[in-house]
Amino acid sequence: MTIELAAVPAEISFLTDAAFYEVAEATAGWDGEYVQLGRGPCRGSIQQVRLQGVDLAVDWLDNRVRTRATPPPGGILLALSGDSRQPLSWRGRSVAPDTLVFQGADQEVDVEFSGGVYYWVADAKELEGLLGRRALISSIARGRLALAPQVAERLREFTAGALTSFGSRPEFCVNPKACAELRNQTLLGVAALLRGASQHEGRLPPVPARRAAARRVEAYMLKNLGSSISMQTLVDFADVRERALRNGFSDLFGRAPMEHFTMLRLNAAHARLRAADVGETSVSAVALDFGFGHLGRFASTYRTHFGELPSDTLRGTRPPCRRGPVVAGCPQQASVARNH
């Protein structure tokens, strides 16, 4: 049994904006670079423990950074955000904080993050022996697994504890029993997570998880009301299958995700028009601000939902209040459009 420790912690400082720095010397077996994306100084640390067939590492950085690196070959790589509040961007796709991503170690890591990222690289042959070849291939093809928050936190705590123990207590590094125990725990843990990914293929997540995904997506929508968003973008952000996301929206809001996004944009446009003076803005400007490129279609949809034309709202010439399914034509009905 051999163990190889990288310099712990390895300090890296980005003193100019958007500069590239080679950090291959900081982590044994890895070859890559960091790109600072945020402005201002950036400092952080890298911790790593390498055992036979297992590699554990964590990056901590206090600015948003993009990492492109090649991990140690011959293994399966797993990664998880170090902070339960900070999502990752993995190979250009948004990943929720408690979602585990994995890939073959022969592929380049391409991740954007702020805060921390935990990495595990486990020997592919060892994992094949624990899982079987078919289950291992199925897991890797899936590429990610949404963990329960408590499971994700236990995984972070276990890895942080291992890195701290081996970094601060040199006697662990020459203790074959301690090395073997950490190696075996890591291999078995990684195999269990990959087995879960294989077994969850094709299943819908439970109702609370679907609804939680729908709420996350709604928050994302509210931050991007003026953007062009596709259903695939929402599925990638939620990190669930499309059917699960549709079911979550149906449970919570009684409509499909894209229909809900349209309603949120209509409500925002309605609020903007109600608050504006005629000389300050125009219907077309408000429509374009909230992603409605076809003004005629916008006016027609707006009238269907609010019982008046957008120009009437802007001028303040609203029809008399009346009961019925039409919402937001009257102040007391304005909140009905959300259907929470």
C-alpha atoms as a PDB file:
ATOM      1  CA  MET A   1       0.000   0.000   0.000  1.00  0.00           C
ATOM      2  CA  THR A   2       1.410   3.359  -0.956  1.00  0.00           C
ATOM      3  CA  ILE A   3       0.223   6.850  -0.208  1.00  0.00           C
ATOM      4  CA  GLU A   4       1.225  10.097  -1.829  1.00  0.00           C
ATOM      5  CA  LEU A   5       0.299  13.468  -0.340  1.00  0.00           C
ATOM      6  CA  ALA A   6       0.294  16.666  -2.347  1.00  0.00           C
ATOM      7  CA  ALA A   7       1.335  19.929  -0.745  1.00  0.00           C
ATOM      8  CA  VAL A   8      -1.478  20.623   1.748  1.00  0.00           C
ATOM      9  CA  PRO A   9      -2.732  23.258   1.583  1.00  0.00           C
ATOM     10  CA  ALA A  10      -1.406  24.648  -1.697  1.00  0.00           C
ATOM     11  CA  GLU A  11      -2.091  28.390  -1.815  1.00  0.00           C
ATOM     12  CA  ILE A  12      -3.006  29.945  -5.138  1.00  0.00           C
ATOM     13  CA  SER A  13      -3.566  33.648  -5.721  1.00  0.00           C
ATOM     14  CA  PHE A  14      -5.083  35.283  -8.770  1.00  0.00           C
ATOM     15  CA  LEU A  15      -3.993  38.897  -8.613  1.00  0.00           C
ATOM     16  CA  THR A  16      -5.343  40.055 -11.963  1.00  0.00           C
ATOM     17  CA  ASP A  17      -8.775  39.568 -13.485  1.00  0.00           C
ATOM     18  CA  ALA A  18      -9.467  36.567 -15.753  1.00  0.00           C
ATOM     19  CA  ALA A  19      -5.842  35.335 -15.701  1.00  0.00           C
ATOM     20  CA  PHE A  20      -4.789  31.728 -16.391  1.00  0.00           C
ATOM     21  CA  TYR A  21      -2.532  29.952 -13.891  1.00  0.00           C
ATOM     22  CA  GLU A  22      -1.043  26.507 -14.206  1.00  0.00           C
ATOM     23  CA  VAL A  23      -1.544  24.472 -11.043  1.00  0.00           C
ATOM     24  CA  ALA A  24      -0.402  21.025 -12.184  1.00  0.00           C
ATOM     25  CA  GLU A  25       2.346  21.027  -9.557  1.00  0.00           C
ATOM     26  CA  ALA A  26      -0.206  21.548  -6.771  1.00  0.00           C
ATOM     27  CA  THR A  27      -1.944  18.186  -7.064  1.00  0.00           C
ATOM     28  CA  ALA A  28      -0.200  14.907  -7.764  1.00  0.00           C
ATOM     29  CA  GLY A  29      -1.523  13.071 -10.813  1.00  0.00           C
ATOM     30  CA  TRP A  30      -3.680  15.983 -12.013  1.00  0.00           C
ATOM     31  CA  ASP A  31      -2.812  18.302 -14.878  1.00  0.00           C
ATOM     32  CA  GLY A  32      -4.843  21.456 -15.387  1.00  0.00           C
ATOM     33  CA  GLU A  33      -5.370  25.153 -15.005  1.00  0.00           C
ATOM     34  CA  TYR A  34      -7.689  27.632 -13.352  1.00  0.00           C
ATOM     35  CA  VAL A  35      -9.381  30.656 -14.900  1.00  0.00           C
ATOM     36  CA  GLN A  36     -10.638  33.362 -12.580  1.00  0.00           C
ATOM     37  CA  LEU A  37     -14.090  34.539 -13.698  1.00  0.00           C
ATOM     38  CA  GLY A  38     -14.965  37.021 -10.941  1.00  0.00           C
ATOM     39  CA  ARG A  39     -13.295  40.345 -10.337  1.00  0.00           C
ATOM     40  CA  GLY A  40     -10.898  41.085  -7.489  1.00  0.00           C
ATOM     41  CA  PRO A  41      -8.355  38.923  -5.655  1.00  0.00           C
ATOM     42  CA  CYS A  42      -8.920  35.206  -5.335  1.00  0.00           C
ATOM     43  CA  ARG A  43      -7.331  32.912  -2.788  1.00  0.00           C
ATOM     44  CA  GLY A  44      -7.909  29.295  -1.956  1.00  0.00           C
ATOM     45  CA  SER A  45      -6.453  25.935  -1.044  1.00  0.00           C
ATOM     46  CA  ILE A  46      -6.162  22.482  -2.560  1.00  0.00           C
ATOM     47  CA  GLN A  47      -6.071  19.331  -0.429  1.00  0.00           C
ATOM     48  CA  GLN A  48      -5.417  15.871  -1.784  1.00  0.00           C
ATOM     49  CA  VAL A  49      -4.816  12.338  -0.546  1.00  0.00           C
ATOM     50  CA  ARG A  50      -3.764   9.582  -2.979  1.00  0.00           C
ATOM     51  CA  LEU A  51      -4.023   5.929  -2.065  1.00  0.00           C
ATOM     52  CA  GLN A  52      -3.622   2.866  -4.255  1.00  0.00           C
ATOM     53  CA  GLY A  53      -6.658   3.020  -6.538  1.00  0.00           C
ATOM     54  CA  VAL A  54      -8.289   5.979  -4.749  1.00  0.00           C
ATOM     55  CA  ASP A  55      -7.797   9.734  -4.996  1.00  0.00           C
ATOM     56  CA  LEU A  56      -9.590  12.271  -2.759  1.00  0.00           C
ATOM     57  CA  ALA A  57      -9.280  16.022  -3.274  1.00  0.00           C
ATOM     58  CA  VAL A  58     -11.038  19.300  -2.563  1.00  0.00           C
ATOM     59  CA  ASP A  59     -10.602  22.780  -4.042  1.00  0.00           C
ATOM     60  CA  TRP A  60     -11.622  25.826  -2.013  1.00  0.00           C
ATOM     61  CA  LEU A  61     -11.668  29.239  -3.700  1.00  0.00           C
ATOM     62  CA  ASP A  62     -13.256  32.513  -2.616  1.00  0.00           C
ATOM     63  CA  ASN A  63     -14.003  33.757  -6.149  1.00  0.00           C
ATOM     64  CA  ARG A  64     -15.792  32.231  -9.114  1.00  0.00           C
ATOM     65  CA  VAL A  65     -13.349  30.073 -11.061  1.00  0.00           C
ATOM     66  CA  ARG A  66     -13.349  27.722 -14.013  1.00  0.00           C
ATOM     67  CA  THR A  67     -11.206  24.618 -13.688  1.00  0.00           C
ATOM     68  CA  ARG A  68     -10.139  22.536 -16.669  1.00  0.00           C
ATOM     69  CA  ALA A  69      -8.043  19.555 -15.696  1.00  0.00           C
ATOM     70  CA  THR A  70      -7.160  15.955 -16.510  1.00  0.00           C
ATOM     71  CA  PRO A  71      -7.541  13.653 -13.461  1.00  0.00           C
ATOM     72  CA  PRO A  72      -5.419  10.587 -12.736  1.00  0.00           C
ATOM     73  CA  PRO A  73      -6.093   7.982 -15.469  1.00  0.00           C
ATOM     74  CA  GLY A  74      -7.737   4.601 -15.192  1.00  0.00           C
ATOM     75  CA  GLY A  75     -10.566   5.537 -12.852  1.00  0.00           C
ATOM     76  CA  ILE A  76     -14.088   6.863 -12.436  1.00  0.00           C
ATOM     77  CA  LEU A  77     -14.315  10.470 -11.291  1.00  0.00           C
ATOM     78  CA  LEU A  78     -17.072  11.807  -9.033  1.00  0.00           C
ATOM     79  CA  ALA A  79     -17.596  15.426  -7.967  1.00  0.00           C
ATOM     80  CA  LEU A  80     -19.895  17.277  -5.573  1.00  0.00           C
ATOM     81  CA  SER A  81     -20.245  20.931  -4.624  1.00  0.00           C
ATOM     82  CA  GLY A  82     -18.520  21.686  -1.349  1.00  0.00           C
ATOM     83  CA  ASP A  83     -21.361  23.987  -0.288  1.00  0.00           C
ATOM     84  CA  SER A  84     -25.014  22.891  -0.107  1.00  0.00           C
ATOM     85  CA  ARG A  85     -26.011  26.407  -1.229  1.00  0.00           C
ATOM     86  CA  GLN A  86     -23.713  26.688  -4.255  1.00  0.00           C
ATOM     87  CA  PRO A  87     -24.522  24.921  -7.550  1.00  0.00           C
ATOM     88  CA  LEU A  88     -21.851  23.946 -10.059  1.00  0.00           C
ATOM     89  CA  SER A  89     -21.606  24.345 -13.792  1.00  0.00           C
ATOM     90  CA  TRP A  90     -20.297  20.990 -15.043  1.00  0.00           C
ATOM     91  CA  ARG A  91     -19.266  20.826 -18.687  1.00  0.00           C
ATOM     92  CA  GLY A  92     -21.499  23.825 -19.371  1.00  0.00           C
ATOM     93  CA  ARG A  93     -24.590  22.439 -17.604  1.00  0.00           C
ATOM     94  CA  SER A  94     -25.977  23.609 -14.270  1.00  0.00           C
ATOM     95  CA  VAL A  95     -25.797  21.045 -11.464  1.00  0.00           C
ATOM     96  CA  ALA A  96     -27.715  21.399  -8.190  1.00  0.00           C
ATOM     97  CA  PRO A  97     -25.557  21.605  -5.009  1.00  0.00           C
ATOM     98  CA  ASP A  98     -26.515  18.146  -3.705  1.00  0.00           C
ATOM     99  CA  THR A  99     -26.204  16.385  -7.061  1.00  0.00           C
ATOM    100  CA  LEU A 100     -23.253  14.078  -7.606  1.00  0.00           C
ATOM    101  CA  VAL A 101     -21.725  14.080 -11.099  1.00  0.00           C
ATOM    102  CA  PHE A 102     -19.461  11.381 -12.480  1.00  0.00           C
ATOM    103  CA  GLN A 103     -17.528  10.509 -15.612  1.00  0.00           C
ATOM    104  CA  GLY A 104     -14.625   8.456 -16.823  1.00  0.00           C
ATOM    105  CA  ALA A 105     -11.298   9.814 -15.632  1.00  0.00           C
ATOM    106  CA  ASP A 106     -10.085   9.850 -19.233  1.00  0.00           C
ATOM    107  CA  GLN A 107     -12.412  12.827 -19.857  1.00  0.00           C
ATOM    108  CA  GLU A 108     -11.359  16.371 -19.087  1.00  0.00           C
ATOM    109  CA  VAL A 109     -12.913  17.990 -16.029  1.00  0.00           C
ATOM    110  CA  ASP A 110     -14.549  21.303 -16.946  1.00  0.00           C
ATOM    111  CA  VAL A 111     -16.265  22.915 -13.956  1.00  0.00           C
ATOM    112  CA  GLU A 112     -17.203  26.442 -12.857  1.00  0.00           C
ATOM    113  CA  PHE A 113     -17.767  27.045  -9.169  1.00  0.00           C
ATOM    114  CA  SER A 114     -17.505  29.445  -6.282  1.00  0.00           C
ATOM    115  CA  GLY A 115     -16.657  27.987  -2.897  1.00  0.00           C
ATOM    116  CA  GLY A 116     -15.563  24.375  -3.028  1.00  0.00           C
ATOM    117  CA  VAL A 117     -15.646  21.139  -5.029  1.00  0.00           C
ATOM    118  CA  TYR A 118     -14.960  17.640  -3.716  1.00  0.00           C
ATOM    119  CA  TYR A 119     -13.455  15.088  -6.109  1.00  0.00           C
ATOM    120  CA  TRP A 120     -13.088  11.329  -5.867  1.00  0.00           C
ATOM    121  CA  VAL A 121     -11.284   9.141  -8.389  1.00  0.00           C
ATOM    122  CA  ALA A 122     -11.669   5.387  -7.901  1.00  0.00           C
ATOM    123  CA  ASP A 123     -10.019   2.634  -9.911  1.00  0.00           C
ATOM    124  CA  ALA A 124     -12.403   1.412 -12.638  1.00  0.00           C
ATOM    125  CA  LYS A 125     -11.372  -2.246 -12.336  1.00  0.00           C
ATOM    126  CA  GLU A 126     -11.948  -2.207  -8.579  1.00  0.00           C
ATOM    127  CA  LEU A 127     -15.408  -0.716  -9.102  1.00  0.00           C
ATOM    128  CA  GLU A 128     -16.224  -3.237 -11.819  1.00  0.00           C
ATOM    129  CA  GLY A 129     -15.409  -5.991  -9.361  1.00  0.00           C
ATOM    130  CA  LEU A 130     -17.794  -4.490  -6.791  1.00  0.00           C
ATOM    131  CA  LEU A 131     -20.613  -3.525  -9.148  1.00  0.00           C
ATOM    132  CA  GLY A 132     -20.339  -5.672 -12.232  1.00  0.00           C
ATOM    133  CA  ARG A 133     -19.520  -4.319 -15.666  1.00  0.00           C
ATOM    134  CA  ARG A 134     -23.112  -3.767 -16.791  1.00  0.00           C
ATOM    135  CA  ALA A 135     -24.120  -1.738 -13.709  1.00  0.00           C
ATOM    136  CA  LEU A 136     -20.927   0.311 -13.907  1.00  0.00           C
ATOM    137  CA  ILE A 137     -21.524   1.212 -17.566  1.00  0.00           C
ATOM    138  CA  SER A 138     -25.173   2.077 -16.816  1.00  0.00           C
ATOM    139  CA  SER A 139     -24.135   4.358 -13.951  1.00  0.00           C
ATOM    140  CA  ILE A 140     -21.547   6.234 -15.963  1.00  0.00           C
ATOM    141  CA  ALA A 141     -23.992   6.677 -18.834  1.00  0.00           C
ATOM    142  CA  ARG A 142     -26.417   8.387 -16.440  1.00  0.00           C
ATOM    143  CA  GLY A 143     -23.718  10.868 -15.436  1.00  0.00           C
ATOM    144  CA  ARG A 144     -25.302  12.285 -12.288  1.00  0.00           C
ATOM    145  CA  LEU A 145     -27.346  11.415  -9.227  1.00  0.00           C
ATOM    146  CA  ALA A 146     -29.439  13.728  -7.029  1.00  0.00           C
ATOM    147  CA  LEU A 147     -28.594  12.894  -3.411  1.00  0.00           C
ATOM    148  CA  ALA A 148     -30.779  13.461  -0.395  1.00  0.00           C
ATOM    149  CA  PRO A 149     -29.386  16.552   1.427  1.00  0.00           C
ATOM    150  CA  GLN A 150     -28.376  14.517   4.477  1.00  0.00           C
ATOM    151  CA  VAL A 151     -26.539  11.979   2.288  1.00  0.00           C
ATOM    152  CA  ALA A 152     -24.666  14.738   0.435  1.00  0.00           C
ATOM    153  CA  GLU A 153     -23.687  16.329   3.744  1.00  0.00           C
ATOM    154  CA  ARG A 154     -22.417  13.034   5.170  1.00  0.00           C
ATOM    155  CA  LEU A 155     -20.327  12.535   2.046  1.00  0.00           C
ATOM    156  CA  ARG A 156     -18.804  16.004   2.444  1.00  0.00           C
ATOM    157  CA  GLU A 157     -18.107  15.423   6.136  1.00  0.00           C
ATOM    158  CA  PHE A 158     -16.503  12.019   5.528  1.00  0.00           C
ATOM    159  CA  THR A 159     -14.178  13.383   2.823  1.00  0.00           C
ATOM    160  CA  ALA A 160     -13.294  16.548   4.724  1.00  0.00           C
ATOM    161  CA  GLY A 161     -12.468  14.424   7.777  1.00  0.00           C
ATOM    162  CA  ALA A 162     -10.246  12.095   5.763  1.00  0.00           C
ATOM    163  CA  LEU A 163      -8.378  14.965   4.115  1.00  0.00           C
ATOM    164  CA  THR A 164      -7.894  16.736   7.432  1.00  0.00           C
ATOM    165  CA  SER A 165      -6.737  13.590   9.231  1.00  0.00           C
ATOM    166  CA  PHE A 166      -4.144  12.651   6.627  1.00  0.00           C
ATOM    167  CA  GLY A 167      -3.029  16.252   6.192  1.00  0.00           C
ATOM    168  CA  SER A 168      -2.587  17.091   9.872  1.00  0.00           C
ATOM    169  CA  ARG A 169      -1.507  13.722  11.300  1.00  0.00           C
ATOM    170  CA  PRO A 170       1.605  12.409   9.496  1.00  0.00           C
ATOM    171  CA  GLU A 171       1.399   9.082  11.337  1.00  0.00           C
ATOM    172  CA  PHE A 172      -1.640   8.171   9.220  1.00  0.00           C
ATOM    173  CA  CYS A 173       0.483   8.351   6.080  1.00  0.00           C
ATOM    174  CA  VAL A 174       2.733   5.487   7.167  1.00  0.00           C
ATOM    175  CA  ASN A 175       0.042   3.406   8.855  1.00  0.00           C
ATOM    176  CA  PRO A 176      -0.975   0.599   6.467  1.00  0.00           C
ATOM    177  CA  LYS A 177      -4.157  -0.111   8.449  1.00  0.00           C
ATOM    178  CA  ALA A 178      -5.345   3.521   8.294  1.00  0.00           C
ATOM    179  CA  CYS A 179      -4.550   3.702   4.581  1.00  0.00           C
ATOM    180  CA  ALA A 180      -6.352   0.441   3.834  1.00  0.00           C
ATOM    181  CA  GLU A 181      -9.395   1.472   5.879  1.00  0.00           C
ATOM    182  CA  LEU A 182      -9.758   4.820   4.076  1.00  0.00           C
ATOM    183  CA  ARG A 183      -9.198   3.185   0.700  1.00  0.00           C
ATOM    184  CA  ASN A 184     -11.824   0.490   1.325  1.00  0.00           C
ATOM    185  CA  GLN A 185     -14.360   2.930   2.764  1.00  0.00           C
ATOM    186  CA  THR A 186     -13.960   5.185  -0.240  1.00  0.00           C
ATOM    187  CA  LEU A 187     -14.244   2.376  -2.802  1.00  0.00           C
ATOM    188  CA  LEU A 188     -17.326   0.918  -1.112  1.00  0.00           C
ATOM    189  CA  GLY A 189     -18.906   4.354  -0.772  1.00  0.00           C
ATOM    190  CA  VAL A 190     -18.302   5.238  -4.416  1.00  0.00           C
ATOM    191  CA  ALA A 191     -19.650   1.845  -5.513  1.00  0.00           C
ATOM    192  CA  ALA A 192     -22.805   2.355  -3.432  1.00  0.00           C
ATOM    193  CA  LEU A 193     -23.412   5.766  -4.984  1.00  0.00           C
ATOM    194  CA  LEU A 194     -22.915   4.441  -8.513  1.00  0.00           C
ATOM    195  CA  ARG A 195     -25.177   1.472  -7.750  1.00  0.00           C
ATOM    196  CA  GLY A 196     -27.843   3.955  -6.662  1.00  0.00           C
ATOM    197  CA  ALA A 197     -27.502   5.793  -9.959  1.00  0.00           C
ATOM    198  CA  SER A 198     -27.966   2.545 -11.870  1.00  0.00           C
ATOM    199  CA  GLN A 199     -31.005   1.461  -9.850  1.00  0.00           C
ATOM    200  CA  HIS A 200     -32.709   4.863 -10.046  1.00  0.00           C
ATOM    201  CA  GLU A 201     -32.646   4.880 -13.839  1.00  0.00           C
ATOM    202  CA  GLY A 202     -36.220   4.980 -15.122  1.00  0.00           C
ATOM    203  CA  ARG A 203     -37.857   5.795 -11.794  1.00  0.00           C
ATOM    204  CA  LEU A 204     -39.693   8.974 -10.934  1.00  0.00           C
ATOM    205  CA  PRO A 205     -38.413  10.720  -7.793  1.00  0.00           C
ATOM    206  CA  PRO A 206     -40.891  10.869  -4.876  1.00  0.00           C
ATOM    207  CA  VAL A 207     -43.512  13.629  -4.767  1.00  0.00           C
ATOM    208  CA  PRO A 208     -41.611  15.901  -2.300  1.00  0.00           C
ATOM    209  CA  ALA A 209     -38.500  15.744  -4.511  1.00  0.00           C
ATOM    210  CA  ARG A 210     -40.520  16.567  -7.647  1.00  0.00           C
ATOM    211  CA  ARG A 211     -42.134  19.519  -5.921  1.00  0.00           C
ATOM    212  CA  ALA A 212     -38.803  20.736  -4.568  1.00  0.00           C
ATOM    213  CA  ALA A 213     -37.396  20.600  -8.109  1.00  0.00           C
ATOM    214  CA  ALA A 214     -40.386  22.598  -9.368  1.00  0.00           C
ATOM    215  CA  ARG A 215     -39.830  25.284  -6.734  1.00  0.00           C
ATOM    216  CA  ARG A 216     -36.130  25.519  -7.631  1.00  0.00           C
ATOM    217  CA  VAL A 217     -37.047  25.905 -11.273  1.00  0.00           C
ATOM    218  CA  GLU A 218     -39.650  28.569 -10.497  1.00  0.00           C
ATOM    219  CA  ALA A 219     -37.008  30.568  -8.595  1.00  0.00           C
ATOM    220  CA  TYR A 220     -34.725  30.214 -11.631  1.00  0.00           C
ATOM    221  CA  MET A 221     -37.540  31.439 -13.892  1.00  0.00           C
ATOM    222  CA  LEU A 222     -38.144  34.502 -11.717  1.00  0.00           C
ATOM    223  CA  LYS A 223     -34.476  35.454 -12.037  1.00  0.00           C
ATOM    224  CA  ASN A 224     -34.577  35.054 -15.832  1.00  0.00           C
ATOM    225  CA  LEU A 225     -37.928  36.534 -16.873  1.00  0.00           C
ATOM    226  CA  GLY A 226     -36.376  38.370 -19.796  1.00  0.00           C
ATOM    227  CA  SER A 227     -34.405  35.399 -21.086  1.00  0.00           C
ATOM    228  CA  SER A 228     -35.239  32.813 -23.717  1.00  0.00           C
ATOM    229  CA  ILE A 229     -35.466  29.539 -21.775  1.00  0.00           C
ATOM    230  CA  SER A 230     -36.201  26.124 -23.252  1.00  0.00           C
ATOM    231  CA  MET A 231     -37.682  23.085 -21.564  1.00  0.00           C
ATOM    232  CA  GLN A 232     -34.304  21.361 -21.842  1.00  0.00           C
ATOM    233  CA  THR A 233     -32.660  24.245 -19.989  1.00  0.00           C
ATOM    234  CA  LEU A 234     -35.138  23.795 -17.130  1.00  0.00           C
ATOM    235  CA  VAL A 235     -34.580  20.026 -17.053  1.00  0.00           C
ATOM    236  CA  ASP A 236     -30.806  20.510 -16.927  1.00  0.00           C
ATOM    237  CA  PHE A 237     -31.119  23.088 -14.154  1.00  0.00           C
ATOM    238  CA  ALA A 238     -33.464  20.917 -12.065  1.00  0.00           C
ATOM    239  CA  ASP A 239     -31.320  17.826 -12.644  1.00  0.00           C
ATOM    240  CA  VAL A 240     -34.414  15.614 -12.981  1.00  0.00           C
ATOM    241  CA  ARG A 241     -36.071  13.978 -15.955  1.00  0.00           C
ATOM    242  CA  GLU A 242     -38.609  16.010 -17.916  1.00  0.00           C
ATOM    243  CA  ARG A 243     -41.538  13.855 -16.811  1.00  0.00           C
ATOM    244  CA  ALA A 244     -40.651  14.368 -13.144  1.00  0.00           C
ATOM    245  CA  LEU A 245     -40.421  18.132 -13.618  1.00  0.00           C
ATOM    246  CA  ARG A 246     -43.762  18.244 -15.437  1.00  0.00           C
ATOM    247  CA  ASN A 247     -45.377  16.242 -12.645  1.00  0.00           C
ATOM    248  CA  GLY A 248     -43.904  18.571 -10.010  1.00  0.00           C
ATOM    249  CA  PHE A 249     -45.293  21.635 -11.773  1.00  0.00           C
ATOM    250  CA  SER A 250     -48.667  19.965 -12.191  1.00  0.00           C
ATOM    251  CA  ASP A 251     -48.740  19.146  -8.458  1.00  0.00           C
ATOM    252  CA  LEU A 252     -47.833  22.678  -7.364  1.00  0.00           C
ATOM    253  CA  PHE A 253     -49.192  25.010 -10.018  1.00  0.00           C
ATOM    254  CA  GLY A 254     -51.638  23.001 -12.082  1.00  0.00           C
ATOM    255  CA  ARG A 255     -49.861  23.663 -15.371  1.00  0.00           C
ATOM    256  CA  ALA A 256     -46.801  22.718 -17.394  1.00  0.00           C
ATOM    257  CA  PRO A 257     -43.408  24.391 -16.768  1.00  0.00           C
ATOM    258  CA  MET A 258     -43.333  26.474 -19.954  1.00  0.00           C
ATOM    259  CA  GLU A 259     -46.935  27.585 -19.439  1.00  0.00           C
ATOM    260  CA  HIS A 260     -46.010  28.644 -15.901  1.00  0.00           C
ATOM    261  CA  PHE A 261     -43.012  30.566 -17.210  1.00  0.00           C
ATOM    262  CA  THR A 262     -45.299  32.438 -19.607  1.00  0.00           C
ATOM    263  CA  MET A 263     -47.646  33.291 -16.734  1.00  0.00           C
ATOM    264  CA  LEU A 264     -44.770  34.622 -14.622  1.00  0.00           C
ATOM    265  CA  ARG A 265     -43.627  36.824 -17.500  1.00  0.00           C
ATOM    266  CA  LEU A 266     -47.183  38.046 -18.117  1.00  0.00           C
ATOM    267  CA  ASN A 267     -47.614  38.924 -14.452  1.00  0.00           C
ATOM    268  CA  ALA A 268     -44.303  40.789 -14.448  1.00  0.00           C
ATOM    269  CA  ALA A 269     -45.254  42.716 -17.589  1.00  0.00           C
ATOM    270  CA  HIS A 270     -48.649  43.535 -16.087  1.00  0.00           C
ATOM    271  CA  ALA A 271     -47.060  44.854 -12.889  1.00  0.00           C
ATOM    272  CA  ARG A 272     -44.585  46.967 -14.901  1.00  0.00           C
ATOM    273  CA  LEU A 273     -47.368  48.464 -17.048  1.00  0.00           C
ATOM    274  CA  ARG A 274     -49.546  49.227 -14.016  1.00  0.00           C
ATOM    275  CA  ALA A 275     -46.714  51.048 -12.272  1.00  0.00           C
ATOM    276  CA  ALA A 276     -45.475  53.022 -15.314  1.00  0.00           C
ATOM    277  CA  ASP A 277     -46.586  56.355 -16.705  1.00  0.00           C
ATOM    278  CA  VAL A 278     -47.509  56.542 -20.370  1.00  0.00           C
ATOM    279  CA  GLY A 279     -44.586  58.838 -21.132  1.00  0.00           C
ATOM    280  CA  GLU A 280     -42.032  56.642 -19.346  1.00  0.00           C
ATOM    281  CA  THR A 281     -42.291  53.448 -21.373  1.00  0.00           C
ATOM    282  CA  SER A 282     -44.249  51.678 -24.099  1.00  0.00           C
ATOM    283  CA  VAL A 283     -46.052  48.375 -24.430  1.00  0.00           C
ATOM    284  CA  SER A 284     -43.483  47.120 -26.927  1.00  0.00           C
ATOM    285  CA  ALA A 285     -40.577  47.996 -24.607  1.00  0.00           C
ATOM    286  CA  VAL A 286     -42.165  46.135 -21.700  1.00  0.00           C
ATOM    287  CA  ALA A 287     -43.023  43.141 -23.887  1.00  0.00           C
ATOM    288  CA  LEU A 288     -39.453  42.858 -25.150  1.00  0.00           C
ATOM    289  CA  ASP A 289     -38.048  43.263 -21.627  1.00  0.00           C
ATOM    290  CA  PHE A 290     -39.919  40.120 -20.586  1.00  0.00           C
ATOM    291  CA  GLY A 291     -39.088  38.018 -23.623  1.00  0.00           C
ATOM    292  CA  PHE A 292     -42.193  38.535 -25.770  1.00  0.00           C
ATOM    293  CA  GLY A 293     -40.830  39.086 -29.270  1.00  0.00           C
ATOM    294  CA  HIS A 294     -44.148  38.888 -31.133  1.00  0.00           C
ATOM    295  CA  LEU A 295     -46.145  41.936 -30.000  1.00  0.00           C
ATOM    296  CA  GLY A 296     -49.449  40.870 -31.541  1.00  0.00           C
ATOM    297  CA  ARG A 297     -49.314  37.475 -29.832  1.00  0.00           C
ATOM    298  CA  PHE A 298     -48.301  39.173 -26.576  1.00  0.00           C
ATOM    299  CA  ALA A 299     -51.315  41.518 -26.699  1.00  0.00           C
ATOM    300  CA  SER A 300     -53.695  38.642 -27.460  1.00  0.00           C
ATOM    301  CA  THR A 301     -52.348  36.406 -24.657  1.00  0.00           C
ATOM    302  CA  TYR A 302     -52.294  39.361 -22.257  1.00  0.00           C
ATOM    303  CA  ARG A 303     -55.947  40.155 -22.959  1.00  0.00           C
ATOM    304  CA  THR A 304     -56.946  36.518 -22.479  1.00  0.00           C
ATOM    305  CA  HIS A 305     -55.388  36.408 -19.019  1.00  0.00           C
ATOM    306  CA  PHE A 306     -56.049  39.935 -17.746  1.00  0.00           C
ATOM    307  CA  GLY A 307     -59.242  40.953 -19.522  1.00  0.00           C
ATOM    308  CA  GLU A 308     -57.728  44.073 -21.049  1.00  0.00           C
ATOM    309  CA  LEU A 309     -55.140  45.090 -23.593  1.00  0.00           C
ATOM    310  CA  PRO A 310     -51.657  46.009 -22.366  1.00  0.00           C
ATOM    311  CA  SER A 311     -52.205  49.547 -23.715  1.00  0.00           C
ATOM    312  CA  ASP A 312     -55.296  49.840 -21.471  1.00  0.00           C
ATOM    313  CA  THR A 313     -53.234  48.837 -18.461  1.00  0.00           C
ATOM    314  CA  LEU A 314     -50.562  51.401 -19.303  1.00  0.00           C
ATOM    315  CA  ARG A 315     -53.140  54.186 -19.715  1.00  0.00           C
ATOM    316  CA  GLY A 316     -54.970  53.142 -16.574  1.00  0.00           C
ATOM    317  CA  THR A 317     -58.244  52.622 -18.424  1.00  0.00           C
ATOM    318  CA  ARG A 318     -59.282  49.299 -16.931  1.00  0.00           C
ATOM    319  CA  PRO A 319     -62.678  47.605 -17.318  1.00  0.00           C
ATOM    320  CA  PRO A 320     -64.998  47.275 -14.287  1.00  0.00           C
ATOM    321  CA  CYS A 321     -64.135  44.505 -11.878  1.00  0.00           C
ATOM    322  CA  ARG A 322     -66.066  41.298 -12.410  1.00  0.00           C
ATOM    323  CA  ARG A 323     -66.099  37.794 -11.039  1.00  0.00           C
ATOM    324  CA  GLY A 324     -64.855  34.861 -13.014  1.00  0.00           C
ATOM    325  CA  PRO A 325     -61.646  33.204 -14.186  1.00  0.00           C
ATOM    326  CA  VAL A 326     -60.094  36.356 -15.654  1.00  0.00           C
ATOM    327  CA  VAL A 327     -57.392  37.527 -13.253  1.00  0.00           C
ATOM    328  CA  ALA A 328     -55.436  40.693 -12.541  1.00  0.00           C
ATOM    329  CA  GLY A 329     -57.894  42.982 -14.331  1.00  0.00           C
ATOM    330  CA  CYS A 330     -58.897  44.022 -10.821  1.00  0.00           C
ATOM    331  CA  PRO A 331     -56.426  44.636  -7.974  1.00  0.00           C
ATOM    332  CA  GLN A 332     -58.018  42.085  -5.647  1.00  0.00           C
ATOM    333  CA  GLN A 333     -57.583  39.318  -8.267  1.00  0.00           C
ATOM    334  CA  ALA A 334     -53.978  40.050  -9.269  1.00  0.00           C
ATOM    335  CA  SER A 335     -52.410  37.173  -7.334  1.00  0.00           C
ATOM    336  CA  VAL A 336     -54.634  34.446  -8.762  1.00  0.00           C
ATOM    337  CA  ALA A 337     -52.396  33.916 -11.780  1.00  0.00           C
ATOM    338  CA  ARG A 338     -49.750  32.095  -9.724  1.00  0.00           C
ATOM    339  CA  ASN A 339     -52.103  29.294  -8.594  1.00  0.00           C
ATOM    340  CA  HIS A 340     -49.941  28.332  -5.582  1.00  0.00           C
END
